[in-house]
Amino acid sequence: MLEHAPSANTAKADAAARTLVVRREVIGLSWVELLMETVVRFTLPHPNGEPHSTGWPHALLITERIETLTTGVSLLENDLNRYGLRMGRPIRTRRQATLASLAAELGVSRTTVSNAYNRPDQLSPELRRRVLETARRLGYPGPDPVARSLRTRKAGAVGLLLTENLSYAFRDPAAVGVLEGLALACEDAGVGLHLVPASPGREDLAAVHRAGVDGFVVYSVPDDDPHLAAVLERPVPTVIIDQPRIEGVDRVGPDDAAAVTQLADHLVALGHRQIGVLCMRLGRERNDDFVTAERQSGAHFHVQRTRLEALATAFSSAGVDWATVPVVERFDHTVDDGASAARQLLDAYPQVTALVCTSDILALGALAEAARRGLRVPLDLTVTGFDGIAEAERSGLTTVHQPVLEKGKVAGRLLLSSAERVGPKVITLPTELRVGRTSAPPRTVEEPWFGG
């Protein structure tokens, strides 16, 4: 590396660099671009082709330091300091276009520009196109959402609270359907959707408190969930999807008791009395095991509790002692969990002729376990689900279909129309028992069971 003692030209170099700093602040050059321009300024050739001897060493030094930036940041900073620059100083960019400057450029009113973003129906398509194209050219980002929310006292977004990991909303088919329906309702209303996930076993009430939303849709949470309590403390409208049932709060969901009763009646009519049940989590604490009667009756997830109660009522009416019916719970909701639950139940109760699953996901896992055991479905084992997801339909699963997409849409519309009505509203969605290829009469004594 060349060594060069400071000369009388250092003052000129310093002045030149400072001049470039001023110009950088006007035209928005980054500090790396500034350094490169400094190099160019100091390496203009003489008429005879030789570089300026006074500026060249300084320029070469800076150039070499740029090349070793990743391993010599401290050295580069020393050179920047020599020319009055500081790496830690925020870089100012060109002055940003504003609504007023955009209106002046177009020769229209500020209201016209605002309408192009907030009320596009007030402008002709051609005028709106011209406004947006000019905005892009000038770098205008659109109306300030913070200023707008302060002015209108509206955040322009709906919050979706789900007490699951965020990935669950994009992995679970029923949740995906609800999310899509809610998103469609928000799109129609011109508002955004803000996801507020709360991972199981971890309280993050601050996520609820700081969410800038105009209202909440709460998706299927237990009645003792602290995040739900935090939502209800906020002075914004709330709609609950599925559970829990809270007096005075809007809710959207199916009639779980009626739907499960119809399914149970179907199994009873086929002749099943030896049944087992696979259910989703009943409370916030993890349990991956058989469920006691006390845990069933005290379940904090109302949907699961209602479905178990409906099954108990229907089979008790058919002469089945519900206390003898094995129920296995799974905290996580995956096909693998359904398979492990079926394995646990069938290992302990091989005489079971029908597995009633409170979701299609668990039922798909049960089908996988039946195949692993060499059981013929439905000849050796009947399997049923609940939800009516696409994969269940492809598998020919006997299940209760519920309109999950419509569920999300209705919840969104209900929330967004809350200011137009007085009093809470509960909307019950229709369900349909779809008998597929996985249910049949139980095996008889004459037809031996091939399980193992």
Protein backbone atom coordinates (compact mmCIF):
# COMPACT_ATOMS: atom_id res chain seq x y z
CA MET A 1 0.00 0.00 0.00
CA LEU A 2 1.35 3.47 -0.87
CA GLU A 3 2.33 5.77 1.96
CA HIS A 4 1.88 9.49 1.47
CA ALA A 5 2.48 12.25 3.94
CA PRO A 6 -0.12 14.99 4.18
CA SER A 7 0.60 17.87 1.80
CA ALA A 8 -0.71 21.34 1.20
CA ASN A 9 -3.29 19.78 -1.09
CA THR A 10 -4.95 18.03 1.88
CA ALA A 11 -7.00 21.15 2.49
CA LYS A 12 -8.19 21.03 -1.13
CA ALA A 13 -9.06 17.37 -0.80
CA ASP A 14 -10.93 18.08 2.41
CA ALA A 15 -12.86 20.90 0.81
CA ALA A 16 -13.66 18.76 -2.22
CA ALA A 17 -14.92 15.95 -0.04
CA ARG A 18 -17.09 18.33 1.94
CA THR A 19 -18.49 19.74 -1.27
CA LEU A 20 -19.41 16.22 -2.31
CA VAL A 21 -21.08 15.68 1.07
CA VAL A 22 -23.35 18.63 0.41
CA ARG A 23 -24.13 17.35 -3.06
CA ARG A 24 -24.72 13.86 -1.68
CA GLU A 25 -27.38 15.24 0.66
CA VAL A 26 -29.11 16.87 -2.29
CA ILE A 27 -29.03 14.05 -4.84
CA GLY A 28 -29.10 11.08 -2.46
CA LEU A 29 -25.74 9.42 -3.15
CA SER A 30 -24.67 6.77 -0.67
CA TRP A 31 -21.33 7.16 1.10
CA VAL A 32 -19.77 4.41 -1.04
CA GLU A 33 -20.85 6.27 -4.18
CA LEU A 34 -19.43 9.43 -2.66
CA LEU A 35 -16.05 7.78 -2.12
CA MET A 36 -15.97 6.49 -5.67
CA GLU A 37 -16.79 9.94 -6.99
CA THR A 38 -13.97 11.31 -4.86
CA VAL A 39 -11.65 8.80 -6.52
CA VAL A 40 -12.78 9.92 -9.95
CA ARG A 41 -12.32 13.57 -8.99
CA PHE A 42 -8.73 12.92 -7.88
CA THR A 43 -7.70 10.66 -10.78
CA LEU A 44 -8.58 12.79 -13.79
CA PRO A 45 -5.58 12.39 -16.12
CA HIS A 46 -3.24 15.16 -17.15
CA PRO A 47 -3.13 15.96 -20.85
CA ASN A 48 -0.03 13.76 -21.02
CA GLY A 49 -1.94 10.81 -19.55
CA GLU A 50 -0.42 10.92 -16.05
CA PRO A 51 -2.66 11.23 -12.97
CA HIS A 52 -2.50 14.30 -10.74
CA SER A 53 0.39 13.65 -8.37
CA THR A 54 -1.19 15.70 -5.59
CA GLY A 55 -4.44 13.80 -5.38
CA TRP A 56 -3.54 10.31 -6.62
CA PRO A 57 -2.04 8.85 -3.41
CA HIS A 58 -5.08 9.85 -1.40
CA ALA A 59 -7.43 8.43 -4.05
CA LEU A 60 -5.49 5.17 -4.33
CA LEU A 61 -5.49 4.78 -0.57
CA ILE A 62 -9.28 5.16 -0.41
CA THR A 63 -9.75 2.77 -3.35
CA GLU A 64 -7.65 0.07 -1.71
CA ARG A 65 -9.51 0.50 1.53
CA ILE A 66 -12.84 0.01 -0.26
CA GLU A 67 -11.54 -3.27 -1.73
CA THR A 68 -10.77 -4.54 1.79
CA LEU A 69 -13.95 -3.18 3.35
CA THR A 70 -15.10 -6.48 4.86
CA THR A 71 -11.84 -7.04 6.70
CA GLY A 72 -10.72 -3.50 7.37
CA VAL A 73 -13.71 -1.39 8.34
CA SER A 74 -11.78 0.41 11.04
CA LEU A 75 -9.09 1.47 8.54
CA LEU A 76 -11.73 2.77 6.18
CA GLU A 77 -13.32 4.74 8.99
CA ASN A 78 -9.99 6.46 9.69
CA ASP A 79 -9.81 7.60 6.07
CA LEU A 80 -13.40 8.82 6.21
CA ASN A 81 -12.59 10.78 9.36
CA ARG A 82 -9.67 12.45 7.54
CA TYR A 83 -12.13 13.93 5.08
CA GLY A 84 -14.73 14.87 7.62
CA LEU A 85 -17.06 11.89 7.06
CA ARG A 86 -18.51 9.62 9.73
CA MET A 87 -19.69 6.04 9.08
CA GLY A 88 -22.08 6.09 12.01
CA ARG A 89 -23.91 9.16 10.74
CA PRO A 90 -27.30 8.48 9.12
CA ILE A 91 -27.32 9.08 5.40
CA ARG A 92 -29.77 11.68 4.29
CA THR A 93 -31.45 11.12 0.99
CA ARG A 94 -33.16 13.35 -1.47
CA ARG A 95 -36.21 15.23 -0.25
CA GLN A 96 -39.22 12.92 -0.49
CA ALA A 97 -42.14 13.91 -2.62
CA THR A 98 -45.26 14.91 -0.72
CA LEU A 99 -48.94 14.95 -1.48
CA ALA A 100 -48.70 18.70 -2.06
CA SER A 101 -45.71 18.47 -4.42
CA LEU A 102 -47.37 15.65 -6.35
CA ALA A 103 -50.55 17.70 -6.72
CA ALA A 104 -48.50 20.67 -7.95
CA GLU A 105 -46.66 18.48 -10.46
CA LEU A 106 -49.95 17.19 -11.84
CA GLY A 107 -51.79 20.50 -11.66
CA VAL A 108 -54.61 19.00 -9.60
CA SER A 109 -55.90 19.49 -6.07
CA ARG A 110 -54.56 17.64 -3.06
CA THR A 111 -57.99 16.09 -2.64
CA THR A 112 -57.69 14.55 -6.10
CA VAL A 113 -54.36 12.94 -5.19
CA SER A 114 -55.79 11.68 -1.89
CA ASN A 115 -58.81 10.20 -3.66
CA ALA A 116 -56.53 8.25 -5.99
CA TYR A 117 -55.42 6.24 -2.95
CA ASN A 118 -58.37 6.34 -0.58
CA ARG A 119 -61.45 6.79 -2.79
CA PRO A 120 -60.55 5.57 -6.28
CA ASP A 121 -64.20 5.46 -7.29
CA GLN A 122 -64.19 9.28 -7.24
CA LEU A 123 -61.72 9.51 -10.14
CA SER A 124 -61.75 8.40 -13.73
CA PRO A 125 -59.48 5.39 -14.41
CA GLU A 126 -57.26 7.55 -16.64
CA LEU A 127 -56.79 10.28 -14.03
CA ARG A 128 -56.06 7.76 -11.28
CA ARG A 129 -53.53 6.01 -13.53
CA ARG A 130 -51.81 9.34 -14.21
CA VAL A 131 -51.67 10.18 -10.50
CA LEU A 132 -50.19 6.80 -9.55
CA GLU A 133 -47.66 6.80 -12.38
CA THR A 134 -46.46 10.30 -11.46
CA ALA A 135 -46.28 9.26 -7.81
CA ARG A 136 -44.03 6.34 -8.72
CA ARG A 137 -41.83 8.57 -10.85
CA LEU A 138 -41.40 11.13 -8.07
CA GLY A 139 -41.04 8.53 -5.34
CA TYR A 140 -44.21 9.45 -3.47
CA PRO A 141 -45.08 6.46 -1.23
CA GLY A 142 -48.72 7.34 -0.70
CA PRO A 143 -50.59 8.88 2.24
CA ASP A 144 -48.91 8.48 5.62
CA PRO A 145 -50.84 5.68 7.37
CA VAL A 146 -49.89 6.99 10.81
CA ALA A 147 -51.15 10.48 10.03
CA ARG A 148 -54.28 9.03 8.49
CA SER A 149 -55.00 6.87 11.53
CA LEU A 150 -54.53 9.87 13.83
CA ARG A 151 -56.90 11.91 11.70
CA THR A 152 -59.60 9.27 11.25
CA ARG A 153 -58.99 7.36 14.50
CA LYS A 154 -58.99 4.22 12.36
CA ALA A 155 -56.09 1.81 11.87
CA GLY A 156 -57.52 0.38 8.66
CA ALA A 157 -56.83 -3.21 9.74
CA VAL A 158 -58.55 -6.17 11.35
CA GLY A 159 -56.65 -8.28 13.88
CA LEU A 160 -56.86 -12.08 13.80
CA LEU A 161 -56.00 -13.69 17.13
CA LEU A 162 -55.11 -17.37 17.02
CA THR A 163 -53.47 -19.13 19.94
CA GLU A 164 -51.23 -21.23 17.74
CA ASN A 165 -47.83 -20.81 16.14
CA LEU A 166 -48.04 -18.54 13.11
CA SER A 167 -47.24 -21.41 10.75
CA TYR A 168 -50.44 -23.16 11.87
CA ALA A 169 -52.55 -20.58 10.03
CA PHE A 170 -50.85 -21.57 6.77
CA ARG A 171 -50.56 -25.33 7.42
CA ASP A 172 -53.86 -26.50 8.86
CA PRO A 173 -56.41 -26.80 6.01
CA ALA A 174 -59.39 -25.65 8.09
CA ALA A 175 -57.43 -22.67 9.42
CA VAL A 176 -56.28 -21.81 5.89
CA GLY A 177 -59.90 -21.75 4.74
CA VAL A 178 -60.94 -19.46 7.57
CA LEU A 179 -57.97 -17.17 6.93
CA GLU A 180 -58.76 -16.96 3.22
CA GLY A 181 -62.40 -16.13 3.90
CA LEU A 182 -61.47 -13.42 6.39
CA ALA A 183 -58.93 -11.99 3.95
CA LEU A 184 -61.59 -11.82 1.23
CA ALA A 185 -63.92 -9.90 3.55
CA CYS A 186 -61.10 -7.47 4.36
CA GLU A 187 -60.29 -7.02 0.67
CA ASP A 188 -63.91 -6.18 -0.09
CA ALA A 189 -63.88 -3.54 2.65
CA GLY A 190 -60.48 -2.13 1.68
CA VAL A 191 -58.84 -2.87 5.02
CA GLY A 192 -55.79 -4.88 5.99
CA LEU A 193 -55.43 -8.06 8.03
CA HIS A 194 -53.04 -8.19 10.98
CA LEU A 195 -52.17 -11.65 12.34
CA VAL A 196 -51.68 -11.85 16.10
CA PRO A 197 -50.38 -15.37 16.82
CA ALA A 198 -49.89 -16.54 20.40
CA SER A 199 -47.84 -19.71 20.63
CA PRO A 200 -49.27 -22.38 22.96
CA GLY A 201 -47.72 -22.29 26.40
CA ARG A 202 -46.33 -18.77 26.00
CA GLU A 203 -48.12 -15.60 27.01
CA ASP A 204 -47.46 -12.53 24.87
CA LEU A 205 -50.18 -10.10 25.90
CA ALA A 206 -48.12 -7.20 24.56
CA ALA A 207 -48.81 -8.46 21.03
CA VAL A 208 -52.52 -7.89 21.67
CA HIS A 209 -52.01 -4.55 23.39
CA ARG A 210 -49.81 -3.07 20.68
CA ALA A 211 -51.77 -4.37 17.67
CA GLY A 212 -52.95 -1.35 15.66
CA VAL A 213 -56.34 -2.69 14.60
CA ASP A 214 -59.95 -1.53 14.50
CA GLY A 215 -61.29 -4.82 15.84
CA PHE A 216 -60.45 -8.45 16.47
CA VAL A 217 -61.55 -11.76 15.05
CA VAL A 218 -60.68 -14.45 17.59
CA TYR A 219 -60.22 -17.89 16.07
CA SER A 220 -61.03 -20.90 18.23
CA VAL A 221 -59.39 -20.31 21.61
CA PRO A 222 -60.06 -21.76 25.10
CA ASP A 223 -62.31 -19.85 27.45
CA ASP A 224 -59.46 -19.26 29.93
CA ASP A 225 -56.99 -17.87 27.41
CA PRO A 226 -55.32 -14.66 28.69
CA HIS A 227 -54.95 -13.30 25.15
CA LEU A 228 -58.73 -13.46 24.75
CA ALA A 229 -59.12 -11.56 28.00
CA ALA A 230 -56.69 -8.93 26.71
CA VAL A 231 -58.70 -8.59 23.49
CA LEU A 232 -61.96 -8.13 25.38
CA GLU A 233 -60.34 -5.40 27.50
CA ARG A 234 -59.70 -3.27 24.43
CA PRO A 235 -62.48 -0.86 23.37
CA VAL A 236 -62.85 -2.36 19.88
CA PRO A 237 -65.45 -4.74 18.40
CA THR A 238 -64.73 -8.47 18.60
CA VAL A 239 -66.07 -11.49 16.74
CA ILE A 240 -65.32 -15.04 17.87
CA ILE A 241 -65.05 -17.90 15.39
CA ASP A 242 -66.15 -21.27 16.86
CA GLN A 243 -65.16 -20.86 20.48
CA PRO A 244 -65.59 -19.86 23.22
CA ARG A 245 -69.21 -18.86 23.65
CA ILE A 246 -69.25 -15.59 25.57
CA GLU A 247 -72.41 -13.70 26.45
CA GLY A 248 -72.59 -10.35 24.67
CA VAL A 249 -69.87 -11.11 22.09
CA ASP A 250 -70.53 -11.78 18.39
CA ARG A 251 -69.81 -15.34 17.30
CA VAL A 252 -69.77 -17.39 14.08
CA GLY A 253 -69.70 -21.18 13.94
CA PRO A 254 -71.61 -24.38 13.23
CA ASP A 255 -74.04 -26.16 15.51
CA ASP A 256 -71.48 -28.70 16.71
CA ALA A 257 -73.93 -30.63 18.86
CA ALA A 258 -76.42 -31.15 16.03
CA ALA A 259 -73.67 -32.03 13.53
CA VAL A 260 -72.04 -34.63 15.78
CA THR A 261 -75.41 -36.09 16.77
CA GLN A 262 -76.15 -36.69 13.09
CA LEU A 263 -72.79 -38.44 12.68
CA ALA A 264 -73.33 -40.55 15.81
CA ASP A 265 -76.80 -41.57 14.64
CA HIS A 266 -75.24 -42.74 11.38
CA LEU A 267 -72.79 -44.98 13.26
CA VAL A 268 -75.47 -46.29 15.60
CA ALA A 269 -77.66 -47.13 12.60
CA LEU A 270 -74.77 -49.09 11.08
CA GLY A 271 -74.63 -51.13 14.29
CA HIS A 272 -71.49 -49.75 15.97
CA ARG A 273 -71.37 -49.96 19.75
CA GLN A 274 -67.64 -50.51 20.33
CA ILE A 275 -66.29 -47.07 19.50
CA GLY A 276 -63.21 -45.07 20.33
CA VAL A 277 -62.71 -41.31 20.07
CA LEU A 278 -59.71 -39.21 19.02
CA CYS A 279 -60.04 -35.55 20.02
CA MET A 280 -58.08 -32.35 19.70
CA ARG A 281 -56.67 -30.59 22.76
CA LEU A 282 -59.12 -29.91 25.57
CA GLY A 283 -57.10 -27.35 27.52
CA ARG A 284 -54.02 -25.14 27.44
CA GLU A 285 -51.90 -27.69 29.31
CA ARG A 286 -50.43 -30.51 27.25
CA ASN A 287 -52.03 -33.93 27.45
CA ASP A 288 -51.27 -36.68 24.95
CA ASP A 289 -53.07 -39.55 26.59
CA PHE A 290 -56.42 -41.05 27.49
CA VAL A 291 -58.93 -38.54 28.81
CA THR A 292 -60.84 -38.90 32.07
CA ALA A 293 -64.53 -38.04 32.38
CA GLU A 294 -63.58 -35.08 34.57
CA ARG A 295 -61.25 -33.66 31.93
CA GLN A 296 -63.92 -34.08 29.26
CA SER A 297 -66.57 -32.23 31.24
CA GLY A 298 -64.14 -29.50 32.27
CA ALA A 299 -62.62 -28.89 28.83
CA HIS A 300 -61.81 -25.24 28.16
CA PHE A 301 -62.13 -25.70 24.40
CA HIS A 302 -65.90 -25.50 24.01
CA VAL A 303 -66.02 -27.09 20.55
CA GLN A 304 -64.27 -30.27 21.68
CA ARG A 305 -66.35 -30.41 24.86
CA THR A 306 -69.59 -30.00 22.89
CA ARG A 307 -68.66 -32.70 20.38
CA LEU A 308 -67.77 -35.16 23.14
CA GLU A 309 -71.01 -34.39 24.99
CA ALA A 310 -73.05 -34.94 21.81
CA LEU A 311 -71.34 -38.28 21.20
CA ALA A 312 -71.94 -39.31 24.80
CA THR A 313 -75.63 -38.44 24.59
CA ALA A 314 -76.18 -40.21 21.26
CA PHE A 315 -74.38 -43.43 22.18
CA SER A 316 -75.87 -43.51 25.67
CA SER A 317 -79.29 -43.40 24.02
CA ALA A 318 -78.21 -46.49 22.03
CA GLY A 319 -77.32 -48.36 25.21
CA VAL A 320 -73.58 -47.62 25.28
CA ASP A 321 -72.06 -46.78 28.66
CA TRP A 322 -70.02 -43.67 27.84
CA ALA A 323 -67.70 -44.35 30.77
CA THR A 324 -66.42 -47.40 28.87
CA VAL A 325 -65.66 -45.45 25.67
CA PRO A 326 -61.92 -44.70 25.32
CA VAL A 327 -61.06 -41.11 24.40
CA VAL A 328 -57.50 -40.15 23.43
CA GLU A 329 -56.42 -36.51 23.28
CA ARG A 330 -53.68 -34.92 21.21
CA PHE A 331 -52.28 -31.48 22.01
CA ASP A 332 -50.84 -30.91 18.53
CA HIS A 333 -52.99 -31.13 15.45
CA THR A 334 -51.17 -33.04 12.71
CA VAL A 335 -51.71 -36.24 10.74
CA ASP A 336 -48.83 -37.84 12.63
CA ASP A 337 -50.54 -37.01 15.93
CA GLY A 338 -53.72 -38.61 14.63
CA ALA A 339 -51.79 -41.75 13.73
CA SER A 340 -50.10 -41.97 17.14
CA ALA A 341 -53.43 -41.43 18.91
CA ALA A 342 -55.06 -44.22 16.89
CA ARG A 343 -52.11 -46.48 17.68
CA GLN A 344 -52.39 -45.77 21.39
CA LEU A 345 -56.14 -46.44 21.43
CA LEU A 346 -56.14 -49.58 19.27
CA ASP A 347 -53.25 -51.09 21.21
CA ALA A 348 -55.31 -50.82 24.39
CA TYR A 349 -58.76 -51.47 22.89
CA PRO A 350 -58.41 -53.82 19.89
CA GLN A 351 -62.13 -54.63 19.99
CA VAL A 352 -63.07 -51.13 18.78
CA THR A 353 -64.97 -51.18 15.47
CA ALA A 354 -65.21 -47.43 14.83
CA LEU A 355 -62.89 -44.49 15.47
CA VAL A 356 -64.71 -41.17 15.74
CA CYS A 357 -62.28 -38.30 15.20
CA THR A 358 -63.17 -34.70 16.05
CA SER A 359 -61.25 -33.41 13.01
CA ASP A 360 -60.36 -34.62 9.54
CA ILE A 361 -56.65 -34.22 10.26
CA LEU A 362 -56.84 -36.72 13.13
CA ALA A 363 -58.97 -39.02 10.96
CA LEU A 364 -56.40 -39.00 8.16
CA GLY A 365 -53.81 -40.07 10.73
CA ALA A 366 -56.12 -42.84 11.90
CA LEU A 367 -56.47 -44.08 8.32
CA ALA A 368 -52.68 -44.19 8.04
CA GLU A 369 -52.40 -46.21 11.24
CA ALA A 370 -55.12 -48.61 10.08
CA ALA A 371 -53.19 -49.20 6.86
CA ARG A 372 -49.99 -49.78 8.83
CA ARG A 373 -51.77 -52.45 10.89
CA GLY A 374 -53.23 -54.12 7.84
CA LEU A 375 -56.80 -53.23 8.81
CA ARG A 376 -59.33 -52.94 6.04
CA VAL A 377 -61.30 -49.69 6.16
CA PRO A 378 -64.26 -49.88 6.50
CA LEU A 379 -64.59 -53.69 6.74
CA ASP A 380 -62.38 -54.02 9.82
CA LEU A 381 -62.54 -50.46 11.09
CA THR A 382 -64.80 -47.47 10.44
CA VAL A 383 -63.15 -44.04 10.61
CA THR A 384 -64.98 -40.68 10.62
CA GLY A 385 -63.87 -37.05 10.78
CA PHE A 386 -65.14 -33.50 11.04
CA ASP A 387 -64.45 -30.43 8.83
CA GLY A 388 -64.73 -31.62 5.24
CA ILE A 389 -61.27 -30.54 4.07
CA ALA A 390 -60.17 -31.32 0.52
CA GLU A 391 -57.81 -34.15 1.49
CA ALA A 392 -60.60 -35.85 3.42
CA GLU A 393 -62.83 -35.68 0.37
CA ARG A 394 -60.09 -37.19 -1.80
CA SER A 395 -59.68 -40.00 0.74
CA GLY A 396 -63.40 -40.78 0.69
CA LEU A 397 -63.63 -40.01 4.42
CA THR A 398 -67.04 -40.06 6.07
CA THR A 399 -67.12 -36.65 7.70
CA VAL A 400 -69.14 -33.63 8.72
CA HIS A 401 -68.55 -30.83 6.24
CA GLN A 402 -68.56 -27.26 7.45
CA PRO A 403 -68.05 -24.17 5.23
CA VAL A 404 -64.70 -22.94 6.57
CA LEU A 405 -64.21 -20.33 3.83
CA GLU A 406 -67.66 -18.91 4.45
CA LYS A 407 -66.95 -18.95 8.18
CA GLY A 408 -64.04 -16.53 7.71
CA LYS A 409 -66.02 -14.32 5.33
CA VAL A 410 -69.02 -14.08 7.63
CA ALA A 411 -66.84 -13.28 10.65
CA GLY A 412 -65.07 -10.50 8.76
CA ARG A 413 -68.30 -8.95 7.49
CA LEU A 414 -69.86 -9.20 10.94
CA LEU A 415 -66.93 -7.36 12.49
CA LEU A 416 -66.79 -4.67 9.82
CA SER A 417 -70.53 -3.99 10.14
CA SER A 418 -70.57 -3.88 13.94
CA ALA A 419 -70.95 -0.10 14.03
CA GLU A 420 -74.20 -0.32 12.05
CA ARG A 421 -76.13 -2.40 14.60
CA VAL A 422 -76.91 -2.62 18.29
CA GLY A 423 -76.39 -5.75 20.35
CA PRO A 424 -74.42 -8.95 19.76
CA LYS A 425 -75.15 -11.36 16.95
CA VAL A 426 -74.59 -15.11 16.70
CA ILE A 427 -74.53 -16.68 13.24
CA THR A 428 -74.88 -20.45 12.98
CA LEU A 429 -73.48 -21.96 9.81
CA PRO A 430 -74.93 -25.09 8.18
CA THR A 431 -73.15 -28.45 8.22
CA GLU A 432 -73.61 -31.58 6.12
CA LEU A 433 -72.92 -35.22 6.90
CA ARG A 434 -71.05 -36.65 3.93
CA VAL A 435 -70.98 -40.42 3.98
CA GLY A 436 -67.87 -41.66 2.22
CA ARG A 437 -66.02 -44.93 1.80
CA THR A 438 -64.70 -45.20 5.36
CA SER A 439 -67.88 -46.18 7.22
CA ALA A 440 -69.75 -49.49 7.12
CA PRO A 441 -71.41 -51.94 9.52
CA PRO A 442 -69.03 -53.49 12.07
CA ARG A 443 -67.34 -56.80 11.37
CA THR A 444 -69.31 -59.87 12.51
CA VAL A 445 -68.26 -63.03 14.33
CA GLU A 446 -68.40 -64.89 11.03
CA GLU A 447 -66.02 -62.37 9.48
CA PRO A 448 -62.79 -62.55 11.51
CA TRP A 449 -60.78 -59.43 12.28
CA PHE A 450 -57.44 -59.26 10.52
CA GLY A 451 -55.86 -56.75 12.86
CA GLY A 452 -52.59 -57.38 14.57
